Protein backbone atom coordinates (compact mmCIF):
# COMPACT_ATOMS: atom_id res chain seq x y z
CA ILE A 1 73.77 16.97 103.74
CA GLU A 2 72.53 13.52 102.65
CA PHE A 3 69.52 13.98 104.93
CA CYS A 4 68.85 17.32 103.27
CA THR A 5 68.97 15.85 99.79
CA HIS A 6 67.00 12.67 100.33
CA GLU A 7 64.68 13.32 103.26
CA LEU A 8 63.84 17.00 102.74
CA GLU A 9 64.51 18.26 99.22
CA VAL A 10 62.78 15.43 97.35
CA PRO A 11 59.42 15.65 99.17
CA LEU A 12 59.60 19.44 99.43
CA CYS A 13 60.09 19.73 95.66
CA THR A 14 57.18 17.35 95.11
CA TRP A 15 55.04 19.75 97.14
CA VAL A 16 56.47 23.12 96.04
CA LEU A 17 57.15 22.72 92.31
CA PRO A 18 53.45 22.34 91.38
CA VAL A 19 52.70 25.48 93.41
CA MET A 20 55.36 27.26 91.35
CA GLY A 21 53.72 25.99 88.15
CA ILE A 22 56.76 23.95 87.15
CA PHE A 23 55.03 20.56 87.29
CA ASP A 24 51.44 19.39 87.32
CA GLU A 25 50.27 18.37 90.76
CA VAL A 26 49.69 14.70 91.49
CA PRO A 27 47.43 14.87 94.57
CA GLU A 28 48.49 11.50 95.98
CA ALA A 29 52.18 12.41 95.64
CA THR A 30 51.59 15.81 97.23
CA ALA A 31 49.79 14.25 100.20
CA CYS A 32 52.67 11.82 100.76
CA ALA A 33 55.20 14.62 100.29
CA LYS A 34 53.51 16.77 102.94
CA GLU A 35 53.78 13.96 105.48
CA ASP A 36 57.41 13.28 104.53
CA VAL A 37 58.26 16.98 104.90
CA LYS A 38 56.61 17.14 108.33
CA ARG A 39 58.56 14.06 109.38
CA ALA A 40 61.84 15.62 108.20
CA LEU A 41 61.04 18.90 109.95
CA THR A 42 60.40 16.97 113.17
CA VAL A 43 63.81 15.29 112.91
CA LEU A 44 65.50 18.66 112.34
CA ASP A 45 63.56 20.34 115.14
CA ASN A 46 64.54 17.59 117.58
CA HIS A 47 68.17 17.80 116.45
CA LEU A 48 68.20 21.55 117.17
CA LEU A 49 66.76 21.15 120.67
CA HIS A 50 70.23 21.38 122.23
CA GLY A 51 72.20 23.13 119.50
CA THR A 52 72.38 26.48 117.80
CA TYR A 53 73.51 25.15 114.43
CA MET A 54 73.31 21.80 112.70
CA VAL A 55 76.94 20.97 113.49
CA GLY A 56 78.87 22.70 116.25
CA HIS A 57 78.67 26.37 117.20
CA GLN A 58 78.99 28.10 113.87
CA VAL A 59 77.45 28.04 110.41
CA THR A 60 78.61 25.09 108.31
CA LEU A 61 77.77 23.71 104.89
CA ALA A 62 75.01 21.69 106.56
CA ASP A 63 73.28 24.91 107.67
CA VAL A 64 73.68 26.52 104.25
CA SER A 65 72.34 23.44 102.47
CA LEU A 66 69.34 22.96 104.74
CA CYS A 67 68.43 26.64 104.91
CA CYS A 68 68.50 26.96 101.12
CA ALA A 69 66.56 23.71 100.71
CA LEU A 70 63.83 25.06 103.00
CA LEU A 71 63.66 28.49 101.39
CA ASP A 72 60.99 27.98 98.71
CA GLY A 73 58.95 25.86 101.09
CA MET A 74 59.02 28.59 103.71
CA ARG A 75 58.03 31.16 101.10
CA LEU A 76 55.25 29.16 99.46
CA VAL A 77 53.77 26.26 101.45
CA LEU A 78 55.03 26.07 105.03
CA ASP A 79 52.57 28.52 106.54
CA GLU A 80 52.52 29.81 110.10
CA ASP A 81 50.25 27.03 111.39
CA LEU A 82 52.48 24.36 109.90
CA ARG A 83 55.64 26.03 111.25
CA LYS A 84 54.25 26.49 114.77
CA PRO A 85 55.29 23.06 116.20
CA PHE A 86 58.85 23.53 114.95
CA GLY A 87 60.13 26.25 117.28
CA ASN A 88 63.74 25.04 117.34
CA LEU A 89 63.85 24.78 113.57
CA MET A 90 62.37 28.26 113.13
CA ARG A 91 64.82 29.75 115.64
CA TRP A 92 67.68 28.23 113.63
CA PHE A 93 66.18 29.23 110.25
CA ASN A 94 65.71 32.85 111.34
CA LEU A 95 69.21 32.90 112.85
CA CYS A 96 70.66 31.72 109.55
CA LEU A 97 68.69 34.30 107.58
CA ALA A 98 69.94 37.04 109.92
CA GLN A 99 73.59 36.31 109.06
CA PRO A 100 75.08 38.95 106.73
CA GLU A 101 76.32 36.27 104.33
CA PHE A 102 72.83 34.81 103.94
CA LYS A 103 71.28 38.28 103.55
CA ALA A 104 73.80 39.20 100.87
CA VAL A 105 72.72 36.25 98.73
CA LEU A 106 69.05 35.72 99.67
CA GLY A 107 67.96 39.25 100.48
CA GLU A 108 64.93 39.75 102.70
CA VAL A 109 62.96 36.51 102.95
CA LYS A 110 59.19 36.74 103.42
CA LEU A 111 57.54 33.65 104.87
CA CYS A 112 54.08 32.58 103.73
């Protein structure tokens, strides 16, 4: 969960919030944020190489936290080309979204 907060959410918000019109974009910060997000996605993708979920064999708070942290990014900035190298991460993300509990809260999620 600490990884989610510090390594993913901070740079993802730096990238996504200007797209949402919440903050003005600072191009240098956005460029750094994109690289930081890609680095975090690589770590997560590698972690999921041999596992179905982030911890163990069932959904945990780690999965909920990370999936929700990725949501706006997946909807707004993480396009198909950017997602392509992260097959393990996308398998996990789609598996989470397919769970009835996720669907009940998030509804149908459309990726950009």
